[in-house]
Amino acid sequence: MNEHVLNPMGRLVRQPAFLICVGILASSAVAMRIAADKLEIYLRKEPVSLQKPLDSMNKDKLWPYKVVKENIIDDEAVKESLGAQDNYIQWTFEDTSVTENDPARFPNLFVTYYTGDPDAVPHVPDWCYSGSGWQIIKSYNTSINVAIDAKREADKIEIPVRVLYMDRTIGLTTYRKPVVYFFSVNGDYRCTRDTVRLRANSIFDHHAYFSKVEVDFNLAPISPDEAVAATEKLMKVVLPVLVEDHWPNWAAVKAAEKRGEVYTSGAITN
């Protein structure tokens, strides 16, 4: 190699300032690793599986709601974009406790599940519907109150939800519909893309998952506020089943992390 190239490089590596910079970088890397271990900071997320597949949900636990249709997503690209794969349900219910002309009689429930990838961008209906021709007339965040344990109705928690009210004109007809959704993420509940990403990427969690719960009422003449009330009613039945039978037991996941173990597929491995 040319001596005129080697000599300047040789002089550089012998400069005190250069050696000091290298030393600082090396010590910083070691310090960061020690800090991460000491503070239990996790930058890479491990997957955590569902307790049971979503589509194995016990329908007998959902009364007075009756499943009248199970929709299947055949397009693999669509499933992948949703983060769904085989971990989803898209069911239409009949609420047998209301009158036949009640606009909330046939709610649609769409639940997806995604785990492990800290860079995943949660799929949200705002973008999906806007991209397929719907115009969002109104959108806002509110909350519903649901008892996670169906046997302890008094122990309700406040769950943030996002509400969309949209319309779409086809020919001379304008259709309108409300959509209500939220996420379960690392044992908590969120309703916006940014808050989901922040929670899923918490530096204090070794594992990560999020699950979107979306409810709509087709083209029924129902207002956004009525849709929220109907969603709260549906979640009083569905949410305890999701928590007890399907979503990860986050307390068990965190207990495994404290022991330095990885919690996957319902089992703990070193």
Protein backbone atom coordinates (compact mmCIF):
# COMPACT_ATOMS: atom_id res chain seq x y z
CA MET A 1 0.00 0.00 0.00
CA ASN A 2 1.18 3.56 -0.69
CA GLU A 3 3.45 4.86 2.07
CA HIS A 4 1.88 8.31 1.79
CA VAL A 5 -1.45 6.76 2.79
CA LEU A 6 -0.05 4.71 5.66
CA ASN A 7 2.02 7.42 7.29
CA PRO A 8 -0.82 9.93 7.92
CA MET A 9 -2.97 7.08 9.33
CA GLY A 10 -0.11 5.95 11.52
CA ARG A 11 0.37 9.47 12.80
CA LEU A 12 -3.39 9.78 13.49
CA VAL A 13 -3.64 6.66 15.65
CA ARG A 14 -0.69 7.89 17.68
CA GLN A 15 -2.30 11.25 18.41
CA PRO A 16 -3.32 11.63 22.10
CA ALA A 17 -6.71 13.16 21.13
CA PHE A 18 -7.51 10.18 18.91
CA LEU A 19 -6.57 7.69 21.61
CA ILE A 20 -8.67 9.59 24.16
CA CYS A 21 -11.74 9.48 21.84
CA VAL A 22 -11.31 5.74 21.31
CA GLY A 23 -11.04 5.23 25.05
CA ILE A 24 -14.18 7.27 25.70
CA LEU A 25 -16.17 5.32 23.11
CA ALA A 26 -15.02 1.99 24.51
CA SER A 27 -15.78 2.94 28.11
CA SER A 28 -19.18 4.36 27.07
CA ALA A 29 -20.12 1.08 25.40
CA VAL A 30 -19.18 -0.85 28.52
CA ALA A 31 -21.05 1.63 30.74
CA MET A 32 -24.19 1.38 28.60
CA ARG A 33 -24.13 -2.41 28.82
CA ILE A 34 -23.68 -2.28 32.60
CA ALA A 35 -26.47 0.30 32.91
CA ALA A 36 -28.80 -1.79 30.77
CA ASP A 37 -28.15 -4.87 32.90
CA LYS A 38 -28.40 -2.93 36.15
CA LEU A 39 -31.63 -1.11 35.29
CA GLU A 40 -33.15 -4.08 33.48
CA ILE A 41 -33.43 -2.03 30.31
CA TYR A 42 -34.38 -4.07 27.25
CA LEU A 43 -33.84 -2.74 23.75
CA ARG A 44 -34.74 -5.98 21.94
CA LYS A 45 -38.20 -7.49 22.43
CA GLU A 46 -39.05 -11.16 22.74
CA PRO A 47 -42.39 -12.50 21.44
CA VAL A 48 -45.03 -13.77 23.82
CA SER A 49 -47.69 -16.11 22.50
CA LEU A 50 -51.40 -16.07 23.13
CA GLN A 51 -52.69 -18.43 25.81
CA LYS A 52 -55.11 -19.79 23.20
CA PRO A 53 -55.73 -18.86 19.54
CA LEU A 54 -58.29 -16.10 19.18
CA ASP A 55 -60.47 -18.15 16.86
CA SER A 56 -60.86 -20.81 19.56
CA MET A 57 -62.85 -18.39 21.72
CA ASN A 58 -65.59 -20.15 23.68
CA LYS A 59 -68.81 -18.79 22.17
CA ASP A 60 -70.85 -20.10 25.08
CA LYS A 61 -69.23 -17.44 27.26
CA LEU A 62 -70.47 -14.61 25.05
CA TRP A 63 -74.21 -14.76 25.73
CA PRO A 64 -76.44 -12.75 25.12
CA TYR A 65 -74.32 -12.27 22.01
CA LYS A 66 -74.55 -14.95 19.37
CA VAL A 67 -72.00 -15.35 16.57
CA VAL A 68 -73.90 -15.27 13.28
CA LYS A 69 -70.96 -14.96 10.88
CA GLU A 70 -67.23 -15.71 11.00
CA ASN A 71 -65.35 -13.78 8.33
CA ILE A 72 -62.09 -15.20 7.00
CA ILE A 73 -59.30 -13.09 5.47
CA ASP A 74 -58.02 -15.07 2.50
CA ASP A 75 -55.44 -12.56 1.28
CA GLU A 76 -52.13 -13.34 3.01
CA ALA A 77 -50.76 -9.88 2.21
CA VAL A 78 -53.73 -8.28 3.95
CA LYS A 79 -53.26 -10.48 7.00
CA GLU A 80 -49.57 -9.65 7.13
CA SER A 81 -50.25 -5.91 6.85
CA LEU A 82 -52.68 -6.16 9.75
CA GLY A 83 -50.23 -8.13 11.83
CA ALA A 84 -52.96 -10.74 12.00
CA GLN A 85 -51.65 -13.93 10.41
CA ASP A 86 -53.73 -16.65 12.07
CA ASN A 87 -54.14 -14.70 15.29
CA TYR A 88 -57.36 -12.84 14.55
CA ILE A 89 -61.13 -13.05 14.63
CA GLN A 90 -63.58 -11.08 12.52
CA TRP A 91 -67.03 -12.02 13.77
CA THR A 92 -70.51 -10.59 13.39
CA PHE A 93 -72.69 -10.92 16.48
CA GLU A 94 -76.38 -10.72 17.14
CA ASP A 95 -77.28 -9.07 20.43
CA THR A 96 -80.28 -11.18 21.42
CA SER A 97 -81.12 -8.87 24.33
CA VAL A 98 -82.31 -5.97 22.17
CA THR A 99 -85.28 -5.46 19.87
CA GLU A 100 -85.14 -6.47 16.22
CA ASN A 101 -84.99 -2.86 15.02
CA ASP A 102 -82.20 -1.78 17.39
CA PRO A 103 -79.35 -0.33 15.25
CA ALA A 104 -76.78 -1.93 17.57
CA ARG A 105 -78.24 -5.42 17.17
CA PHE A 106 -75.47 -6.69 14.84
CA PRO A 107 -72.03 -5.49 15.97
CA ASN A 108 -68.90 -6.60 14.13
CA LEU A 109 -65.86 -7.52 16.22
CA PHE A 110 -62.36 -7.54 14.71
CA VAL A 111 -59.46 -8.58 16.96
CA THR A 112 -55.86 -8.93 15.76
CA TYR A 113 -52.66 -9.84 17.61
CA TYR A 114 -49.02 -8.98 17.00
CA THR A 115 -45.93 -9.72 19.09
CA GLY A 116 -42.17 -9.45 19.28
CA ASP A 117 -41.19 -6.71 16.81
CA PRO A 118 -40.52 -3.39 18.53
CA ASP A 119 -40.48 -1.53 15.20
CA ALA A 120 -43.93 -2.70 14.14
CA VAL A 121 -46.34 0.13 13.31
CA PRO A 122 -49.80 -0.66 14.67
CA HIS A 123 -52.48 -0.82 12.02
CA VAL A 124 -55.22 1.69 12.84
CA PRO A 125 -58.66 2.11 11.19
CA ASP A 126 -58.03 5.83 10.61
CA TRP A 127 -55.58 5.03 7.83
CA CYS A 128 -57.30 1.90 6.60
CA TYR A 129 -60.69 3.48 6.01
CA SER A 130 -59.26 6.72 4.62
CA GLY A 131 -57.25 4.68 2.13
CA SER A 132 -60.33 2.78 0.98
CA GLY A 133 -62.49 5.79 0.17
CA TRP A 134 -64.14 6.66 3.48
CA GLN A 135 -64.11 10.26 4.70
CA ILE A 136 -63.72 10.78 8.43
CA ILE A 137 -66.36 13.29 9.51
CA LYS A 138 -65.55 13.15 13.18
CA SER A 139 -62.94 11.48 15.36
CA TYR A 140 -62.28 11.69 19.08
CA ASN A 141 -60.94 9.75 22.06
CA THR A 142 -63.12 8.80 24.99
CA SER A 143 -63.33 5.85 27.37
CA ILE A 144 -65.48 2.90 28.40
CA ASN A 145 -65.71 1.26 31.82
CA VAL A 146 -65.50 -2.52 31.93
CA ALA A 147 -64.94 -5.10 34.66
CA ILE A 148 -62.10 -7.36 33.50
CA ASP A 149 -63.38 -10.06 35.83
CA ALA A 150 -66.99 -10.67 34.78
CA LYS A 151 -67.77 -11.97 38.29
CA ARG A 152 -66.64 -8.73 39.91
CA GLU A 153 -68.76 -6.09 38.20
CA ALA A 154 -67.82 -3.46 40.78
CA ASP A 155 -64.11 -3.64 39.86
CA LYS A 156 -64.30 -1.70 36.63
CA ILE A 157 -61.36 -0.15 34.85
CA GLU A 158 -61.37 2.77 32.45
CA ILE A 159 -60.31 1.78 28.94
CA PRO A 160 -59.45 4.52 26.42
CA VAL A 161 -61.14 4.12 23.05
CA ARG A 162 -60.94 5.99 19.77
CA VAL A 163 -64.10 6.77 17.82
CA LEU A 164 -64.36 7.40 14.09
CA TYR A 165 -67.50 8.58 12.31
CA MET A 166 -67.20 8.27 8.55
CA ASP A 167 -69.13 8.52 5.33
CA ARG A 168 -68.68 7.29 1.80
CA THR A 169 -70.65 8.20 -1.31
CA ILE A 170 -71.31 5.52 -3.91
CA GLY A 171 -73.36 6.77 -6.82
CA LEU A 172 -76.15 8.91 -5.41
CA THR A 173 -76.10 7.27 -2.00
CA THR A 174 -74.04 8.36 1.00
CA TYR A 175 -73.32 5.74 3.63
CA ARG A 176 -72.28 6.46 7.21
CA LYS A 177 -70.87 4.32 9.98
CA PRO A 178 -69.09 4.59 13.33
CA VAL A 179 -66.04 2.56 14.37
CA VAL A 180 -64.76 2.20 17.93
CA TYR A 181 -61.36 0.68 18.73
CA PHE A 182 -58.62 0.29 21.32
CA PHE A 183 -55.49 -1.79 21.95
CA SER A 184 -54.34 -4.14 24.66
CA VAL A 185 -50.58 -3.63 24.85
CA ASN A 186 -48.18 -5.19 27.36
CA GLY A 187 -50.91 -5.59 29.96
CA ASP A 188 -52.25 -2.04 29.51
CA TYR A 189 -54.78 -0.32 27.26
CA ARG A 190 -54.18 2.42 24.70
CA CYS A 191 -56.14 3.87 21.77
CA THR A 192 -53.67 5.72 19.52
CA ARG A 193 -50.82 4.54 17.35
CA ASP A 194 -48.16 6.61 19.14
CA THR A 195 -49.19 5.56 22.65
CA VAL A 196 -49.25 1.91 21.57
CA ARG A 197 -45.73 2.16 20.16
CA LEU A 198 -44.44 3.89 23.29
CA ARG A 199 -45.92 1.24 25.57
CA ALA A 200 -44.82 -1.70 23.41
CA ASN A 201 -41.28 -0.31 23.25
CA SER A 202 -40.91 0.40 26.94
CA ILE A 203 -37.25 0.01 27.86
CA PHE A 204 -38.27 -1.85 31.01
CA ASP A 205 -40.02 -4.72 29.19
CA HIS A 206 -38.19 -7.66 27.65
CA HIS A 207 -41.32 -8.86 25.80
CA ALA A 208 -43.85 -7.01 23.69
CA TYR A 209 -47.30 -7.57 22.20
CA PHE A 210 -50.29 -5.55 21.13
CA SER A 211 -53.80 -6.60 20.19
CA LYS A 212 -56.31 -4.36 18.42
CA VAL A 213 -60.00 -4.61 19.31
CA GLU A 214 -62.28 -2.94 16.75
CA VAL A 215 -66.07 -2.72 16.74
CA ASP A 216 -68.36 -1.37 14.04
CA PHE A 217 -72.04 -1.61 13.17
CA ASN A 218 -72.03 -1.87 9.38
CA LEU A 219 -74.26 0.85 7.94
CA ALA A 220 -76.76 0.91 10.80
CA PRO A 221 -78.29 4.32 11.66
CA ILE A 222 -76.33 4.68 14.89
CA SER A 223 -74.56 7.74 16.27
CA PRO A 224 -70.95 7.70 17.48
CA ASP A 225 -72.02 8.04 21.12
CA GLU A 226 -74.52 5.19 20.74
CA ALA A 227 -71.76 3.10 19.17
CA VAL A 228 -69.53 3.76 22.20
CA ALA A 229 -72.31 2.66 24.57
CA ALA A 230 -72.92 -0.48 22.51
CA THR A 231 -69.17 -1.22 22.43
CA GLU A 232 -68.98 -0.93 26.21
CA LYS A 233 -71.88 -3.39 26.51
CA LEU A 234 -70.18 -5.85 24.13
CA MET A 235 -66.82 -5.53 25.92
CA LYS A 236 -68.41 -6.39 29.26
CA VAL A 237 -68.86 -9.86 27.75
CA VAL A 238 -65.90 -10.19 25.37
CA LEU A 239 -63.07 -8.51 27.29
CA PRO A 240 -63.07 -10.87 30.30
CA VAL A 241 -62.80 -13.81 27.89
CA LEU A 242 -59.91 -12.21 26.01
CA VAL A 243 -58.07 -11.48 29.25
CA GLU A 244 -58.70 -14.83 30.94
CA ASP A 245 -58.40 -17.20 27.98
CA HIS A 246 -56.38 -15.57 25.21
CA TRP A 247 -54.14 -12.56 25.81
CA PRO A 248 -50.84 -13.21 27.63
CA ASN A 249 -50.88 -13.18 31.41
CA TRP A 250 -48.70 -10.11 31.74
CA ALA A 251 -48.05 -10.65 35.46
CA ALA A 252 -46.60 -14.08 34.60
CA VAL A 253 -44.52 -12.54 31.80
CA LYS A 254 -43.05 -9.94 34.14
CA ALA A 255 -42.38 -12.58 36.80
CA ALA A 256 -40.42 -14.57 34.20
CA GLU A 257 -38.44 -11.46 33.27
CA LYS A 258 -37.45 -10.91 36.90
CA ARG A 259 -36.08 -14.43 36.97
CA GLY A 260 -34.10 -13.72 33.80
CA GLU A 261 -36.24 -16.07 31.71
CA VAL A 262 -37.93 -15.75 28.34
CA TYR A 263 -41.66 -16.31 28.29
CA THR A 264 -42.85 -17.80 24.99
CA SER A 265 -45.55 -20.16 23.74
CA GLY A 266 -47.16 -20.32 27.15
CA ALA A 267 -43.99 -21.84 28.61
CA ILE A 268 -40.92 -20.40 30.26
CA THR A 269 -37.50 -21.19 28.82
CA ASN A 270 -34.01 -20.02 29.76
